[in-house]
Amino acid sequence: MRNTLHVLLASAAAVAAVALPGSAAHAADGYDRCPDGSYCMFSGLDGTGDMIALTSSTPDLGALGMNSRAKSDWNRTSSTIYLWSGNDYTGCTTVTSAGPTGKGNFFPDYRDFFNSVQFDGPGGPSCGTPPGGDG
């Protein structure tokens, strides 16, 4: 009798565990994957694809698998971000500001273009405004 009761209780517990609805947490996607306080780069447009989250200057994005691969970004820091065309903060720079304007797709000429990221400058020679990027 004791073994039968034990088997019945174990079976009831198993059924209850299966019958209870699981609380499925919504996984962040797109730009929402970027943690607060980080500067994030994405290999796809609109925050899709692979993502890296930076909290300090990074002289070689290749070490993180993002060298010349980023197509969009989000600056969730209080810093001005300087994006360099070359490794070790060489070449030309563009700026990603903090705040609501620091999120979006790169102009087509700047997709798959950047190789290092510097927090708070001083920056370098401007890469200029890409064609069609002034409006």
C-alpha atoms as a PDB file:
ATOM      1  CA  MET A   1       0.000   0.000   0.000  1.00  0.00           C
ATOM      2  CA  ARG A   2       2.801   2.349   0.899  1.00  0.00           C
ATOM      3  CA  ASN A   3       4.555   1.740  -2.465  1.00  0.00           C
ATOM      4  CA  THR A   4       1.268   2.260  -4.317  1.00  0.00           C
ATOM      5  CA  LEU A   5       0.676   5.580  -2.523  1.00  0.00           C
ATOM      6  CA  HIS A   6       4.240   6.697  -3.315  1.00  0.00           C
ATOM      7  CA  VAL A   7       3.773   5.847  -7.024  1.00  0.00           C
ATOM      8  CA  LEU A   8       0.415   7.688  -7.134  1.00  0.00           C
ATOM      9  CA  LEU A   9       1.882  10.821  -5.513  1.00  0.00           C
ATOM     10  CA  ALA A  10       4.860  10.782  -7.861  1.00  0.00           C
ATOM     11  CA  SER A  11       2.555  10.377 -10.873  1.00  0.00           C
ATOM     12  CA  ALA A  12       0.296  13.212  -9.682  1.00  0.00           C
ATOM     13  CA  ALA A  13       3.318  15.496  -9.239  1.00  0.00           C
ATOM     14  CA  ALA A  14       4.541  14.701 -12.749  1.00  0.00           C
ATOM     15  CA  VAL A  15       1.107  15.456 -14.254  1.00  0.00           C
ATOM     16  CA  ALA A  16       0.872  18.738 -12.313  1.00  0.00           C
ATOM     17  CA  ALA A  17       4.321  19.788 -13.523  1.00  0.00           C
ATOM     18  CA  VAL A  18       3.326  19.147 -17.151  1.00  0.00           C
ATOM     19  CA  ALA A  19      -0.094  20.770 -16.804  1.00  0.00           C
ATOM     20  CA  LEU A  20       1.126  24.031 -15.260  1.00  0.00           C
ATOM     21  CA  PRO A  21       1.677  26.712 -17.867  1.00  0.00           C
ATOM     22  CA  GLY A  22       5.288  27.850 -18.105  1.00  0.00           C
ATOM     23  CA  SER A  23       6.034  31.520 -17.842  1.00  0.00           C
ATOM     24  CA  ALA A  24       7.763  32.168 -21.124  1.00  0.00           C
ATOM     25  CA  ALA A  25       9.868  35.308 -20.830  1.00  0.00           C
ATOM     26  CA  HIS A  26      10.015  37.375 -24.004  1.00  0.00           C
ATOM     27  CA  ALA A  27      13.555  37.292 -25.333  1.00  0.00           C
ATOM     28  CA  ALA A  28      14.891  40.675 -26.377  1.00  0.00           C
ATOM     29  CA  ASP A  29      15.448  41.108 -30.092  1.00  0.00           C
ATOM     30  CA  GLY A  30      16.736  43.785 -32.445  1.00  0.00           C
ATOM     31  CA  TYR A  31      18.053  46.909 -30.770  1.00  0.00           C
ATOM     32  CA  ASP A  32      16.498  45.863 -27.449  1.00  0.00           C
ATOM     33  CA  ARG A  33      19.321  43.337 -26.974  1.00  0.00           C
ATOM     34  CA  CYS A  34      21.718  46.214 -26.261  1.00  0.00           C
ATOM     35  CA  PRO A  35      22.258  46.559 -22.497  1.00  0.00           C
ATOM     36  CA  ASP A  36      21.808  49.960 -20.866  1.00  0.00           C
ATOM     37  CA  GLY A  37      25.200  51.642 -20.454  1.00  0.00           C
ATOM     38  CA  SER A  38      26.721  49.946 -23.532  1.00  0.00           C
ATOM     39  CA  TYR A  39      27.541  50.937 -27.070  1.00  0.00           C
ATOM     40  CA  CYS A  40      26.301  48.167 -29.380  1.00  0.00           C
ATOM     41  CA  MET A  41      27.088  47.349 -32.982  1.00  0.00           C
ATOM     42  CA  PHE A  42      25.022  44.947 -35.077  1.00  0.00           C
ATOM     43  CA  SER A  43      26.002  43.026 -38.204  1.00  0.00           C
ATOM     44  CA  GLY A  44      22.508  43.522 -39.664  1.00  0.00           C
ATOM     45  CA  LEU A  45      20.232  46.482 -40.274  1.00  0.00           C
ATOM     46  CA  ASP A  46      17.800  47.638 -37.569  1.00  0.00           C
ATOM     47  CA  GLY A  47      19.708  45.948 -34.754  1.00  0.00           C
ATOM     48  CA  THR A  48      19.596  42.463 -36.287  1.00  0.00           C
ATOM     49  CA  GLY A  49      22.347  39.896 -36.766  1.00  0.00           C
ATOM     50  CA  ASP A  50      25.364  39.462 -34.531  1.00  0.00           C
ATOM     51  CA  MET A  51      25.829  42.015 -31.757  1.00  0.00           C
ATOM     52  CA  ILE A  52      28.734  43.252 -29.675  1.00  0.00           C
ATOM     53  CA  ALA A  53      28.241  45.397 -26.560  1.00  0.00           C
ATOM     54  CA  LEU A  54      31.133  47.694 -25.622  1.00  0.00           C
ATOM     55  CA  THR A  55      31.738  49.660 -22.436  1.00  0.00           C
ATOM     56  CA  SER A  56      35.189  51.012 -23.297  1.00  0.00           C
ATOM     57  CA  SER A  57      37.318  51.945 -26.291  1.00  0.00           C
ATOM     58  CA  THR A  58      38.188  49.034 -28.569  1.00  0.00           C
ATOM     59  CA  PRO A  59      41.161  49.417 -30.940  1.00  0.00           C
ATOM     60  CA  ASP A  60      40.461  46.293 -33.009  1.00  0.00           C
ATOM     61  CA  LEU A  61      36.894  45.145 -33.653  1.00  0.00           C
ATOM     62  CA  GLY A  62      38.332  42.073 -35.378  1.00  0.00           C
ATOM     63  CA  ALA A  63      39.104  40.616 -31.947  1.00  0.00           C
ATOM     64  CA  LEU A  64      35.326  40.631 -31.361  1.00  0.00           C
ATOM     65  CA  GLY A  65      34.365  39.437 -34.841  1.00  0.00           C
ATOM     66  CA  MET A  66      32.929  42.807 -35.927  1.00  0.00           C
ATOM     67  CA  ASN A  67      35.786  44.254 -38.032  1.00  0.00           C
ATOM     68  CA  SER A  68      34.194  45.888 -41.108  1.00  0.00           C
ATOM     69  CA  ARG A  69      30.868  44.103 -40.396  1.00  0.00           C
ATOM     70  CA  ALA A  70      28.597  46.596 -38.602  1.00  0.00           C
ATOM     71  CA  LYS A  71      25.494  47.922 -40.327  1.00  0.00           C
ATOM     72  CA  SER A  72      23.645  49.503 -37.368  1.00  0.00           C
ATOM     73  CA  ASP A  73      24.335  50.673 -33.835  1.00  0.00           C
ATOM     74  CA  TRP A  74      22.887  52.033 -30.594  1.00  0.00           C
ATOM     75  CA  ASN A  75      24.770  54.265 -28.183  1.00  0.00           C
ATOM     76  CA  ARG A  76      23.233  53.626 -24.745  1.00  0.00           C
ATOM     77  CA  THR A  77      26.108  55.355 -22.940  1.00  0.00           C
ATOM     78  CA  SER A  78      26.612  58.962 -21.884  1.00  0.00           C
ATOM     79  CA  SER A  79      29.732  59.102 -24.105  1.00  0.00           C
ATOM     80  CA  THR A  80      30.203  60.390 -27.617  1.00  0.00           C
ATOM     81  CA  ILE A  81      31.372  57.430 -29.710  1.00  0.00           C
ATOM     82  CA  TYR A  82      33.958  57.888 -32.459  1.00  0.00           C
ATOM     83  CA  LEU A  83      33.907  55.169 -35.104  1.00  0.00           C
ATOM     84  CA  TRP A  84      37.231  54.778 -36.888  1.00  0.00           C
ATOM     85  CA  SER A  85      37.714  53.347 -40.376  1.00  0.00           C
ATOM     86  CA  GLY A  86      41.039  51.726 -39.392  1.00  0.00           C
ATOM     87  CA  ASN A  87      42.337  49.639 -36.528  1.00  0.00           C
ATOM     88  CA  ASP A  88      44.026  51.380 -33.591  1.00  0.00           C
ATOM     89  CA  TYR A  89      42.040  54.606 -34.106  1.00  0.00           C
ATOM     90  CA  THR A  90      43.449  55.362 -37.549  1.00  0.00           C
ATOM     91  CA  GLY A  91      41.835  56.550 -40.760  1.00  0.00           C
ATOM     92  CA  CYS A  92      38.746  58.734 -40.614  1.00  0.00           C
ATOM     93  CA  THR A  93      35.991  59.023 -38.014  1.00  0.00           C
ATOM     94  CA  THR A  94      32.269  59.475 -37.733  1.00  0.00           C
ATOM     95  CA  VAL A  95      30.388  60.187 -34.522  1.00  0.00           C
ATOM     96  CA  THR A  96      27.500  58.424 -32.802  1.00  0.00           C
ATOM     97  CA  SER A  97      25.969  60.680 -30.171  1.00  0.00           C
ATOM     98  CA  ALA A  98      24.489  59.548 -26.892  1.00  0.00           C
ATOM     99  CA  GLY A  99      20.740  59.743 -26.467  1.00  0.00           C
ATOM    100  CA  PRO A 100      17.811  59.217 -28.822  1.00  0.00           C
ATOM    101  CA  THR A 101      19.778  60.169 -31.952  1.00  0.00           C
ATOM    102  CA  GLY A 102      22.414  57.491 -31.225  1.00  0.00           C
ATOM    103  CA  LYS A 103      20.425  54.596 -32.660  1.00  0.00           C
ATOM    104  CA  GLY A 104      19.960  53.509 -36.246  1.00  0.00           C
ATOM    105  CA  ASN A 105      21.331  52.124 -39.473  1.00  0.00           C
ATOM    106  CA  PHE A 106      24.615  53.364 -40.895  1.00  0.00           C
ATOM    107  CA  PHE A 107      24.507  55.219 -44.204  1.00  0.00           C
ATOM    108  CA  PRO A 108      25.126  52.708 -47.034  1.00  0.00           C
ATOM    109  CA  ASP A 109      28.709  53.960 -47.550  1.00  0.00           C
ATOM    110  CA  TYR A 110      29.484  53.289 -43.871  1.00  0.00           C
ATOM    111  CA  ARG A 111      28.106  49.754 -43.665  1.00  0.00           C
ATOM    112  CA  ASP A 112      30.846  47.144 -43.169  1.00  0.00           C
ATOM    113  CA  PHE A 113      33.315  50.016 -42.806  1.00  0.00           C
ATOM    114  CA  PHE A 114      34.444  50.568 -39.187  1.00  0.00           C
ATOM    115  CA  ASN A 115      37.347  48.831 -37.463  1.00  0.00           C
ATOM    116  CA  SER A 116      37.773  50.534 -34.071  1.00  0.00           C
ATOM    117  CA  VAL A 117      35.600  52.354 -31.527  1.00  0.00           C
ATOM    118  CA  GLN A 118      36.704  55.187 -29.237  1.00  0.00           C
ATOM    119  CA  PHE A 119      34.707  56.514 -26.290  1.00  0.00           C
ATOM    120  CA  ASP A 120      34.806  60.332 -25.876  1.00  0.00           C
ATOM    121  CA  GLY A 121      37.350  61.151 -28.555  1.00  0.00           C
ATOM    122  CA  PRO A 122      39.246  63.246 -29.421  1.00  0.00           C
ATOM    123  CA  GLY A 123      38.351  61.745 -32.783  1.00  0.00           C
ATOM    124  CA  GLY A 124      40.177  62.332 -36.007  1.00  0.00           C
ATOM    125  CA  PRO A 125      39.628  63.536 -39.542  1.00  0.00           C
ATOM    126  CA  SER A 126      35.999  63.270 -40.582  1.00  0.00           C
ATOM    127  CA  CYS A 127      34.958  60.584 -43.033  1.00  0.00           C
ATOM    128  CA  GLY A 128      32.622  63.235 -44.452  1.00  0.00           C
ATOM    129  CA  THR A 129      28.945  63.043 -45.223  1.00  0.00           C
ATOM    130  CA  PRO A 130      28.155  60.150 -47.546  1.00  0.00           C
ATOM    131  CA  PRO A 131      26.309  60.946 -50.784  1.00  0.00           C
ATOM    132  CA  GLY A 132      22.630  61.323 -49.993  1.00  0.00           C
ATOM    133  CA  GLY A 133      23.377  61.501 -46.281  1.00  0.00           C
ATOM    134  CA  ASP A 134      22.811  65.226 -45.854  1.00  0.00           C
ATOM    135  CA  GLY A 135      19.050  65.178 -45.819  1.00  0.00           C
END
